[in-house]
N, C-alpha and C. Protein backbone atom coordinates (compact mmCIF):
# COMPACT_ATOMS: atom_id res chain seq x y z
N MET A 1 0.82 -1.20 0.00
CA MET A 1 0.00 0.00 0.00
C MET A 1 0.87 1.26 0.00
N LYS A 2 1.99 1.22 0.75
CA LYS A 2 2.88 2.37 0.81
C LYS A 2 3.49 2.64 -0.57
N LYS A 3 3.83 1.59 -1.30
CA LYS A 3 4.43 1.76 -2.62
C LYS A 3 3.45 2.45 -3.58
N ILE A 4 2.18 2.12 -3.46
CA ILE A 4 1.16 2.74 -4.32
C ILE A 4 1.05 4.22 -3.98
N ARG A 5 1.04 4.57 -2.70
CA ARG A 5 0.96 5.98 -2.29
C ARG A 5 2.16 6.77 -2.79
N VAL A 6 3.34 6.21 -2.62
CA VAL A 6 4.56 6.89 -3.05
C VAL A 6 4.54 7.08 -4.57
N THR A 7 4.13 6.08 -5.28
CA THR A 7 4.05 6.16 -6.73
C THR A 7 3.05 7.23 -7.17
N LEU A 8 1.88 7.26 -6.55
CA LEU A 8 0.88 8.26 -6.88
C LEU A 8 1.36 9.67 -6.56
N LEU A 9 2.03 9.85 -5.44
CA LEU A 9 2.58 11.16 -5.09
C LEU A 9 3.65 11.60 -6.09
N ALA A 10 4.48 10.66 -6.51
CA ALA A 10 5.51 10.99 -7.50
C ALA A 10 4.88 11.41 -8.83
N ILE A 11 3.86 10.71 -9.26
CA ILE A 11 3.15 11.05 -10.51
C ILE A 11 2.50 12.43 -10.39
N LEU A 12 1.88 12.70 -9.27
CA LEU A 12 1.25 14.01 -9.04
C LEU A 12 2.29 15.12 -9.08
N ALA A 13 3.44 14.90 -8.47
CA ALA A 13 4.50 15.92 -8.47
C ALA A 13 4.99 16.20 -9.89
N VAL A 14 5.14 15.17 -10.69
CA VAL A 14 5.57 15.35 -12.08
C VAL A 14 4.52 16.13 -12.87
N ILE A 15 3.27 15.84 -12.65
CA ILE A 15 2.19 16.55 -13.36
C ILE A 15 2.17 18.02 -12.97
N LEU A 16 2.30 18.32 -11.69
CA LEU A 16 2.27 19.71 -11.24
C LEU A 16 3.46 20.50 -11.76
N VAL A 17 4.63 19.89 -11.77
CA VAL A 17 5.82 20.57 -12.28
C VAL A 17 5.72 20.73 -13.79
N GLY A 18 5.14 19.78 -14.48
CA GLY A 18 5.04 19.82 -15.94
C GLY A 18 4.13 20.91 -16.47
N CYS A 19 3.26 21.46 -15.66
CA CYS A 19 2.33 22.48 -16.12
C CYS A 19 2.97 23.86 -16.24
N SER A 20 4.04 24.10 -15.48
CA SER A 20 4.68 25.41 -15.56
C SER A 20 5.67 25.43 -16.72
N GLY A 21 6.01 26.62 -17.16
CA GLY A 21 6.88 26.78 -18.32
C GLY A 21 8.29 26.29 -18.07
N SER A 22 8.93 25.85 -19.12
CA SER A 22 10.29 25.34 -19.05
C SER A 22 11.29 26.47 -18.79
N ASP A 23 12.37 26.12 -18.11
CA ASP A 23 13.44 27.09 -17.87
C ASP A 23 14.11 27.51 -19.18
N ILE A 24 14.00 26.71 -20.20
CA ILE A 24 14.65 27.00 -21.48
C ILE A 24 14.10 28.30 -22.08
N TYR A 25 12.81 28.51 -22.03
CA TYR A 25 12.26 29.71 -22.65
C TYR A 25 11.81 30.78 -21.65
N ARG A 26 11.95 30.54 -20.37
CA ARG A 26 11.61 31.59 -19.39
C ARG A 26 12.59 32.75 -19.51
N GLY A 27 12.08 33.94 -19.26
CA GLY A 27 12.92 35.13 -19.29
C GLY A 27 12.57 36.06 -20.43
N SER A 28 13.46 36.99 -20.72
CA SER A 28 13.21 38.04 -21.71
C SER A 28 13.66 37.62 -23.10
N TRP A 29 12.85 38.01 -24.08
CA TRP A 29 13.13 37.74 -25.48
C TRP A 29 12.85 39.00 -26.31
N LYS A 30 13.63 39.21 -27.33
CA LYS A 30 13.34 40.20 -28.36
C LYS A 30 12.62 39.42 -29.45
N ALA A 31 11.55 39.98 -29.98
CA ALA A 31 10.75 39.25 -30.96
C ALA A 31 10.42 40.13 -32.16
N THR A 32 10.25 39.48 -33.31
CA THR A 32 9.82 40.14 -34.53
C THR A 32 8.69 39.32 -35.12
N ASP A 33 7.60 39.99 -35.51
CA ASP A 33 6.49 39.25 -36.13
C ASP A 33 6.70 39.16 -37.64
N SER A 34 5.74 38.56 -38.33
CA SER A 34 5.87 38.35 -39.78
C SER A 34 5.85 39.65 -40.58
N LYS A 35 5.38 40.74 -39.98
CA LYS A 35 5.35 42.04 -40.65
C LYS A 35 6.61 42.85 -40.38
N GLY A 36 7.50 42.32 -39.55
CA GLY A 36 8.73 43.03 -39.21
C GLY A 36 8.62 43.93 -37.99
N GLU A 37 7.46 43.93 -37.33
CA GLU A 37 7.29 44.75 -36.14
C GLU A 37 8.01 44.10 -34.96
N LYS A 38 8.58 44.93 -34.09
CA LYS A 38 9.38 44.45 -32.98
C LYS A 38 8.58 44.43 -31.68
N PHE A 39 8.86 43.41 -30.87
CA PHE A 39 8.19 43.21 -29.60
C PHE A 39 9.21 42.73 -28.56
N GLU A 40 8.83 42.83 -27.31
CA GLU A 40 9.56 42.19 -26.22
C GLU A 40 8.60 41.21 -25.57
N ILE A 41 9.09 40.01 -25.29
CA ILE A 41 8.27 38.98 -24.65
C ILE A 41 9.00 38.53 -23.40
N PHE A 42 8.27 38.44 -22.29
CA PHE A 42 8.85 37.94 -21.05
C PHE A 42 8.02 36.76 -20.57
N PHE A 43 8.63 35.57 -20.54
CA PHE A 43 7.97 34.36 -20.06
C PHE A 43 8.28 34.16 -18.59
N ASP A 44 7.23 33.97 -17.80
CA ASP A 44 7.34 33.58 -16.41
C ASP A 44 6.84 32.13 -16.32
N ALA A 45 6.74 31.58 -15.14
CA ALA A 45 6.34 30.18 -14.97
C ALA A 45 4.94 29.87 -15.50
N LYS A 46 3.99 30.79 -15.31
CA LYS A 46 2.60 30.50 -15.69
C LYS A 46 1.95 31.61 -16.52
N ASN A 47 2.72 32.64 -16.87
CA ASN A 47 2.18 33.70 -17.72
C ASN A 47 3.31 34.34 -18.51
N PHE A 48 2.95 35.07 -19.53
CA PHE A 48 3.93 35.83 -20.27
C PHE A 48 3.34 37.16 -20.69
N ILE A 49 4.23 38.13 -20.93
CA ILE A 49 3.83 39.48 -21.30
C ILE A 49 4.44 39.80 -22.66
N VAL A 50 3.61 40.35 -23.55
CA VAL A 50 4.07 40.80 -24.86
C VAL A 50 3.95 42.32 -24.88
N LYS A 51 5.08 42.99 -25.12
CA LYS A 51 5.11 44.46 -25.16
C LYS A 51 5.50 44.88 -26.57
N ASP A 52 4.68 45.76 -27.18
CA ASP A 52 4.99 46.23 -28.54
C ASP A 52 5.94 47.42 -28.48
N SER A 53 6.33 47.95 -29.64
CA SER A 53 7.32 49.03 -29.71
C SER A 53 6.81 50.34 -29.12
N SER A 54 5.49 50.49 -29.00
CA SER A 54 4.94 51.71 -28.39
C SER A 54 4.86 51.62 -26.86
N GLY A 55 5.20 50.44 -26.31
CA GLY A 55 5.18 50.26 -24.87
C GLY A 55 3.90 49.63 -24.35
N LYS A 56 2.93 49.40 -25.22
CA LYS A 56 1.68 48.76 -24.82
C LYS A 56 1.94 47.27 -24.57
N SER A 57 1.41 46.75 -23.46
CA SER A 57 1.67 45.34 -23.15
C SER A 57 0.39 44.58 -22.85
N LYS A 58 0.45 43.27 -23.11
CA LYS A 58 -0.65 42.36 -22.81
C LYS A 58 -0.08 41.16 -22.06
N LYS A 59 -0.83 40.70 -21.07
CA LYS A 59 -0.42 39.57 -20.26
C LYS A 59 -1.31 38.38 -20.58
N TYR A 60 -0.71 37.20 -20.73
CA TYR A 60 -1.43 35.98 -21.04
C TYR A 60 -1.05 34.89 -20.04
N ASP A 61 -2.05 34.19 -19.54
CA ASP A 61 -1.79 33.01 -18.71
C ASP A 61 -1.62 31.82 -19.65
N TYR A 62 -0.74 30.90 -19.27
CA TYR A 62 -0.52 29.72 -20.10
C TYR A 62 -0.09 28.55 -19.24
N SER A 63 -0.16 27.37 -19.83
CA SER A 63 0.43 26.18 -19.22
C SER A 63 1.15 25.41 -20.32
N GLN A 64 2.25 24.80 -19.94
CA GLN A 64 2.98 23.99 -20.91
C GLN A 64 2.30 22.64 -20.98
N ASN A 65 1.98 22.20 -22.21
CA ASN A 65 1.26 20.93 -22.33
C ASN A 65 2.01 19.86 -23.10
N SER A 66 3.19 20.19 -23.65
CA SER A 66 3.96 19.16 -24.33
C SER A 66 5.42 19.58 -24.48
N VAL A 67 6.26 18.56 -24.63
CA VAL A 67 7.67 18.75 -24.95
C VAL A 67 8.02 17.68 -25.97
N GLU A 68 8.62 18.10 -27.07
CA GLU A 68 9.03 17.15 -28.11
C GLU A 68 10.47 17.45 -28.46
N ILE A 69 11.31 16.43 -28.38
CA ILE A 69 12.71 16.59 -28.75
C ILE A 69 13.00 15.56 -29.84
N GLU A 70 13.37 16.07 -31.01
CA GLU A 70 13.66 15.20 -32.14
C GLU A 70 14.97 15.67 -32.77
N ASN A 71 15.95 14.77 -32.83
CA ASN A 71 17.28 15.11 -33.35
C ASN A 71 17.87 16.30 -32.60
N SER A 72 17.70 16.34 -31.30
CA SER A 72 18.20 17.39 -30.41
C SER A 72 17.54 18.74 -30.64
N VAL A 73 16.47 18.80 -31.41
CA VAL A 73 15.71 20.03 -31.64
C VAL A 73 14.48 19.99 -30.74
N ALA A 74 14.35 20.98 -29.87
CA ALA A 74 13.28 20.99 -28.87
C ALA A 74 12.11 21.86 -29.33
N THR A 75 10.90 21.36 -29.08
CA THR A 75 9.67 22.11 -29.32
C THR A 75 8.79 21.96 -28.08
N TYR A 76 8.37 23.10 -27.54
CA TYR A 76 7.53 23.12 -26.34
C TYR A 76 6.14 23.59 -26.74
N GLY A 77 5.12 22.85 -26.34
CA GLY A 77 3.74 23.25 -26.60
C GLY A 77 3.19 23.98 -25.40
N ILE A 78 2.53 25.11 -25.65
CA ILE A 78 1.87 25.84 -24.57
C ILE A 78 0.42 26.08 -24.96
N GLN A 79 -0.43 26.17 -23.96
CA GLN A 79 -1.83 26.47 -24.18
C GLN A 79 -2.20 27.68 -23.34
N LEU A 80 -2.77 28.69 -24.00
CA LEU A 80 -3.19 29.90 -23.29
C LEU A 80 -4.45 29.64 -22.50
N GLY A 81 -4.73 30.52 -21.58
CA GLY A 81 -5.93 30.40 -20.76
C GLY A 81 -7.21 30.42 -21.57
N ASP A 82 -7.18 31.06 -22.76
CA ASP A 82 -8.38 31.11 -23.61
C ASP A 82 -8.48 29.93 -24.57
N GLY A 83 -7.55 28.96 -24.47
CA GLY A 83 -7.64 27.76 -25.28
C GLY A 83 -6.73 27.73 -26.51
N ARG A 84 -6.19 28.86 -26.91
CA ARG A 84 -5.30 28.86 -28.07
C ARG A 84 -4.01 28.12 -27.73
N GLY A 85 -3.44 27.48 -28.73
CA GLY A 85 -2.21 26.73 -28.54
C GLY A 85 -1.09 27.27 -29.40
N TYR A 86 0.13 27.21 -28.89
CA TYR A 86 1.31 27.67 -29.60
C TYR A 86 2.45 26.70 -29.38
N GLN A 87 3.44 26.77 -30.26
CA GLN A 87 4.65 25.96 -30.14
C GLN A 87 5.84 26.89 -30.07
N ILE A 88 6.72 26.63 -29.15
CA ILE A 88 7.98 27.37 -29.05
C ILE A 88 9.06 26.40 -29.51
N ASN A 89 9.66 26.71 -30.64
CA ASN A 89 10.59 25.80 -31.30
C ASN A 89 11.99 26.40 -31.32
N PHE A 90 12.97 25.57 -31.01
CA PHE A 90 14.38 25.96 -31.09
C PHE A 90 15.02 25.12 -32.18
N PRO A 91 15.05 25.64 -33.43
CA PRO A 91 15.46 24.84 -34.58
C PRO A 91 16.95 24.48 -34.62
N ASN A 92 17.79 25.23 -33.93
CA ASN A 92 19.21 24.95 -33.90
C ASN A 92 19.53 24.22 -32.60
N ALA A 93 19.91 22.96 -32.70
CA ALA A 93 20.13 22.14 -31.51
C ALA A 93 21.23 22.69 -30.62
N ASP A 94 22.16 23.45 -31.17
CA ASP A 94 23.29 23.96 -30.40
C ASP A 94 23.06 25.37 -29.86
N ASP A 95 21.92 25.98 -30.15
CA ASP A 95 21.71 27.37 -29.77
C ASP A 95 20.27 27.59 -29.32
N GLU A 96 20.07 27.70 -28.00
CA GLU A 96 18.73 27.93 -27.47
C GLU A 96 18.46 29.42 -27.23
N SER A 97 19.28 30.28 -27.84
CA SER A 97 19.05 31.72 -27.72
C SER A 97 18.29 32.25 -28.94
N LEU A 98 17.98 31.38 -29.89
CA LEU A 98 17.18 31.73 -31.07
C LEU A 98 16.04 30.75 -31.20
N GLY A 99 14.83 31.27 -31.46
CA GLY A 99 13.70 30.36 -31.57
C GLY A 99 12.57 30.92 -32.41
N LEU A 100 11.54 30.13 -32.53
CA LEU A 100 10.34 30.48 -33.29
C LEU A 100 9.11 30.20 -32.43
N ILE A 101 8.13 31.06 -32.52
CA ILE A 101 6.84 30.79 -31.90
C ILE A 101 5.84 30.64 -33.03
N LYS A 102 5.19 29.48 -33.07
CA LYS A 102 4.24 29.16 -34.13
C LYS A 102 2.86 28.93 -33.53
N ASP A 103 1.82 29.15 -34.35
CA ASP A 103 0.47 28.88 -33.88
C ASP A 103 0.16 27.39 -34.06
N GLU A 104 -1.08 27.00 -33.76
CA GLU A 104 -1.48 25.59 -33.82
C GLU A 104 -1.35 25.00 -35.22
N ASN A 105 -1.44 25.84 -36.24
CA ASN A 105 -1.35 25.36 -37.62
C ASN A 105 0.07 25.38 -38.17
N GLY A 106 1.04 25.73 -37.33
CA GLY A 106 2.43 25.78 -37.76
C GLY A 106 2.84 27.09 -38.42
N ASN A 107 1.95 28.08 -38.39
CA ASN A 107 2.27 29.39 -38.98
C ASN A 107 3.14 30.19 -38.03
N LEU A 108 4.16 30.85 -38.57
CA LEU A 108 5.07 31.63 -37.77
C LEU A 108 4.37 32.85 -37.18
N VAL A 109 4.48 33.03 -35.88
CA VAL A 109 3.92 34.20 -35.20
C VAL A 109 5.05 35.17 -34.86
N TYR A 110 6.12 34.65 -34.25
CA TYR A 110 7.27 35.47 -33.87
C TYR A 110 8.56 34.69 -34.09
N THR A 111 9.61 35.40 -34.45
CA THR A 111 10.97 34.87 -34.29
C THR A 111 11.49 35.52 -33.02
N ILE A 112 12.17 34.75 -32.18
CA ILE A 112 12.63 35.26 -30.90
C ILE A 112 14.13 35.08 -30.75
N SER A 113 14.74 36.01 -30.02
CA SER A 113 16.16 35.96 -29.76
C SER A 113 16.43 36.58 -28.38
N ARG A 114 17.43 36.06 -27.71
CA ARG A 114 17.83 36.63 -26.42
C ARG A 114 18.57 37.95 -26.63
N LYS A 115 19.14 38.13 -27.82
CA LYS A 115 19.89 39.34 -28.13
C LYS A 115 19.06 40.23 -29.04
N ASP A 116 19.55 41.44 -29.29
CA ASP A 116 18.86 42.34 -30.23
C ASP A 116 18.85 41.70 -31.57
């Protein structure tokens, strides 16, 4: 009986930790959309803020719902509080300071970089 309890607690802990955003993409990013407009994005554990060039910002709640690593290329799935889904992709296996944010259909929303 003790083994079952310990196993269930371990599974619950993994589920709770898995819902928050990964350390890989947490923090500040410089972003450019498909029109060439510049943004700043800051990812926290359960929300992120998008600030445009005029200083206007929007905050979104999210949870991470998937992680896929193929050929050392990582893609993280996130779901916003309103149900929309996005993918944060790091196409270069050796460089996690450059990435792409795509919508559910694979369309590019932002290119992101830790640097200007």
